[in-house]
Amino acid sequence: MDKELFYSEIGPILGCAAFRNAFSSEAGLDCGLLARKTLHEVGHVLGAPTARESAS
């Protein structure tokens, strides 16, 4: 995705994973950060816990 998503309560959204789908935004990210963010979202698709799940 080449656009930045922004929510006023949260701030910029660089990626999201839900169920078996994920996206990463490349807007304003260098290649290294984009790669790390994309792998992070793929991890969630494969079953890695979210920060909320890890905290509880």
N, C-alpha and C. Protein backbone atom coordinates (compact mmCIF):
# COMPACT_ATOMS: atom_id res chain seq x y z
N MET A 1 0.85 -1.16 0.00
CA MET A 1 0.00 0.00 0.00
C MET A 1 0.90 1.23 0.00
N ASP A 2 0.61 2.21 -0.83
CA ASP A 2 1.49 3.37 -0.92
C ASP A 2 0.89 4.64 -0.30
N LYS A 3 -0.16 4.50 0.50
CA LYS A 3 -0.78 5.63 1.19
C LYS A 3 -0.63 5.43 2.69
N GLU A 4 -0.59 6.53 3.42
CA GLU A 4 -0.53 6.45 4.88
C GLU A 4 -1.93 6.53 5.45
N LEU A 5 -2.25 5.62 6.35
CA LEU A 5 -3.51 5.69 7.09
C LEU A 5 -3.25 6.39 8.41
N PHE A 6 -4.17 7.24 8.83
CA PHE A 6 -3.99 7.99 10.07
C PHE A 6 -5.31 8.03 10.81
N TYR A 7 -5.27 7.65 12.09
CA TYR A 7 -6.42 7.77 12.98
C TYR A 7 -6.05 8.75 14.07
N SER A 8 -6.92 9.73 14.31
CA SER A 8 -6.59 10.79 15.26
C SER A 8 -6.34 10.27 16.67
N GLU A 9 -7.01 9.21 17.10
CA GLU A 9 -6.82 8.66 18.44
C GLU A 9 -5.57 7.80 18.56
N ILE A 10 -5.07 7.28 17.43
CA ILE A 10 -3.96 6.34 17.45
C ILE A 10 -2.70 6.93 16.81
N GLY A 11 -2.84 7.60 15.69
CA GLY A 11 -1.72 8.12 14.92
C GLY A 11 -1.60 7.36 13.62
N PRO A 12 -0.42 7.37 13.00
CA PRO A 12 -0.26 6.68 11.72
C PRO A 12 -0.32 5.16 11.87
N ILE A 13 -0.96 4.51 10.93
CA ILE A 13 -1.07 3.05 10.89
C ILE A 13 -0.14 2.55 9.80
N LEU A 14 0.91 1.85 10.19
CA LEU A 14 1.90 1.38 9.22
C LEU A 14 1.60 -0.03 8.72
N GLY A 15 0.77 -0.76 9.44
CA GLY A 15 0.43 -2.11 9.03
C GLY A 15 -0.66 -2.66 9.93
N CYS A 16 -1.29 -3.70 9.44
CA CYS A 16 -2.37 -4.32 10.21
C CYS A 16 -2.52 -5.77 9.75
N ALA A 17 -2.85 -6.63 10.69
CA ALA A 17 -3.14 -8.03 10.36
C ALA A 17 -4.43 -8.43 11.07
N ALA A 18 -5.29 -9.10 10.34
CA ALA A 18 -6.54 -9.59 10.90
C ALA A 18 -6.87 -10.91 10.22
N PHE A 19 -7.09 -11.94 11.05
CA PHE A 19 -7.39 -13.27 10.53
C PHE A 19 -6.24 -13.72 9.62
N ARG A 20 -6.49 -14.00 8.37
CA ARG A 20 -5.44 -14.48 7.45
C ARG A 20 -5.03 -13.41 6.44
N ASN A 21 -5.25 -12.13 6.77
CA ASN A 21 -4.92 -11.04 5.87
C ASN A 21 -4.04 -10.02 6.58
N ALA A 22 -3.19 -9.34 5.82
CA ALA A 22 -2.34 -8.31 6.40
C ALA A 22 -1.98 -7.30 5.32
N PHE A 23 -1.62 -6.10 5.76
CA PHE A 23 -1.07 -5.11 4.85
C PHE A 23 0.02 -4.34 5.56
N SER A 24 0.91 -3.78 4.79
CA SER A 24 1.93 -2.85 5.27
C SER A 24 1.91 -1.65 4.35
N SER A 25 2.03 -0.46 4.93
CA SER A 25 2.08 0.76 4.15
C SER A 25 3.54 1.10 3.87
N GLU A 26 3.85 1.39 2.62
CA GLU A 26 5.22 1.77 2.28
C GLU A 26 5.41 3.28 2.29
N ALA A 27 4.37 4.03 2.60
CA ALA A 27 4.42 5.49 2.57
C ALA A 27 5.46 6.02 3.57
N GLY A 28 6.52 6.59 3.05
CA GLY A 28 7.53 7.23 3.88
C GLY A 28 8.48 6.30 4.61
N LEU A 29 8.44 5.01 4.34
CA LEU A 29 9.32 4.07 5.03
C LEU A 29 10.51 3.69 4.16
N ASP A 30 11.69 3.57 4.78
CA ASP A 30 12.83 3.08 4.02
C ASP A 30 12.71 1.56 3.87
N CYS A 31 13.49 0.98 3.01
CA CYS A 31 13.38 -0.46 2.70
C CYS A 31 13.54 -1.34 3.93
N GLY A 32 14.49 -1.00 4.81
CA GLY A 32 14.73 -1.82 5.99
C GLY A 32 13.54 -1.83 6.94
N LEU A 33 12.97 -0.65 7.19
CA LEU A 33 11.81 -0.57 8.08
C LEU A 33 10.60 -1.23 7.46
N LEU A 34 10.41 -1.06 6.16
CA LEU A 34 9.29 -1.71 5.47
C LEU A 34 9.41 -3.23 5.58
N ALA A 35 10.61 -3.77 5.41
CA ALA A 35 10.82 -5.22 5.52
C ALA A 35 10.50 -5.70 6.93
N ARG A 36 10.97 -4.99 7.96
CA ARG A 36 10.69 -5.40 9.34
C ARG A 36 9.20 -5.32 9.65
N LYS A 37 8.55 -4.25 9.20
CA LYS A 37 7.11 -4.08 9.44
C LYS A 37 6.32 -5.18 8.74
N THR A 38 6.69 -5.50 7.52
CA THR A 38 5.99 -6.55 6.77
C THR A 38 6.17 -7.91 7.45
N LEU A 39 7.38 -8.24 7.88
CA LEU A 39 7.60 -9.50 8.59
C LEU A 39 6.82 -9.55 9.90
N HIS A 40 6.71 -8.42 10.58
CA HIS A 40 5.93 -8.33 11.81
C HIS A 40 4.47 -8.71 11.54
N GLU A 41 3.88 -8.14 10.49
CA GLU A 41 2.48 -8.44 10.16
C GLU A 41 2.31 -9.89 9.71
N VAL A 42 3.25 -10.42 8.94
CA VAL A 42 3.20 -11.83 8.54
C VAL A 42 3.24 -12.72 9.78
N GLY A 43 4.04 -12.34 10.76
CA GLY A 43 4.08 -13.09 12.02
C GLY A 43 2.72 -13.20 12.67
N HIS A 44 1.96 -12.10 12.65
CA HIS A 44 0.60 -12.15 13.22
C HIS A 44 -0.30 -13.07 12.41
N VAL A 45 -0.20 -13.03 11.09
CA VAL A 45 -1.01 -13.92 10.24
C VAL A 45 -0.69 -15.38 10.56
N LEU A 46 0.58 -15.65 10.88
CA LEU A 46 0.99 -17.02 11.19
C LEU A 46 0.73 -17.42 12.64
N GLY A 47 0.24 -16.47 13.45
CA GLY A 47 -0.16 -16.84 14.81
C GLY A 47 0.59 -16.18 15.95
N ALA A 48 1.54 -15.29 15.67
CA ALA A 48 2.26 -14.60 16.75
C ALA A 48 1.28 -13.71 17.52
N PRO A 49 1.39 -13.63 18.84
CA PRO A 49 0.44 -12.82 19.62
C PRO A 49 0.64 -11.33 19.39
N THR A 50 -0.43 -10.58 19.58
CA THR A 50 -0.35 -9.12 19.53
C THR A 50 0.16 -8.61 20.87
N ALA A 51 0.47 -7.33 20.94
CA ALA A 51 0.94 -6.73 22.21
C ALA A 51 -0.12 -6.87 23.28
N ARG A 52 -1.39 -6.68 22.93
CA ARG A 52 -2.48 -6.82 23.91
C ARG A 52 -2.58 -8.25 24.44
N GLU A 53 -2.47 -9.21 23.53
CA GLU A 53 -2.54 -10.62 23.94
C GLU A 53 -1.36 -11.00 24.81
N SER A 54 -0.18 -10.46 24.53
CA SER A 54 1.00 -10.75 25.31
C SER A 54 0.92 -10.17 26.72
N ALA A 55 0.25 -9.00 26.85
CA ALA A 55 0.16 -8.31 28.13
C ALA A 55 -0.83 -8.98 29.09
N SER A 56 -1.77 -9.72 28.56
CA SER A 56 -2.79 -10.32 29.45
C SER A 56 -2.45 -11.72 29.88
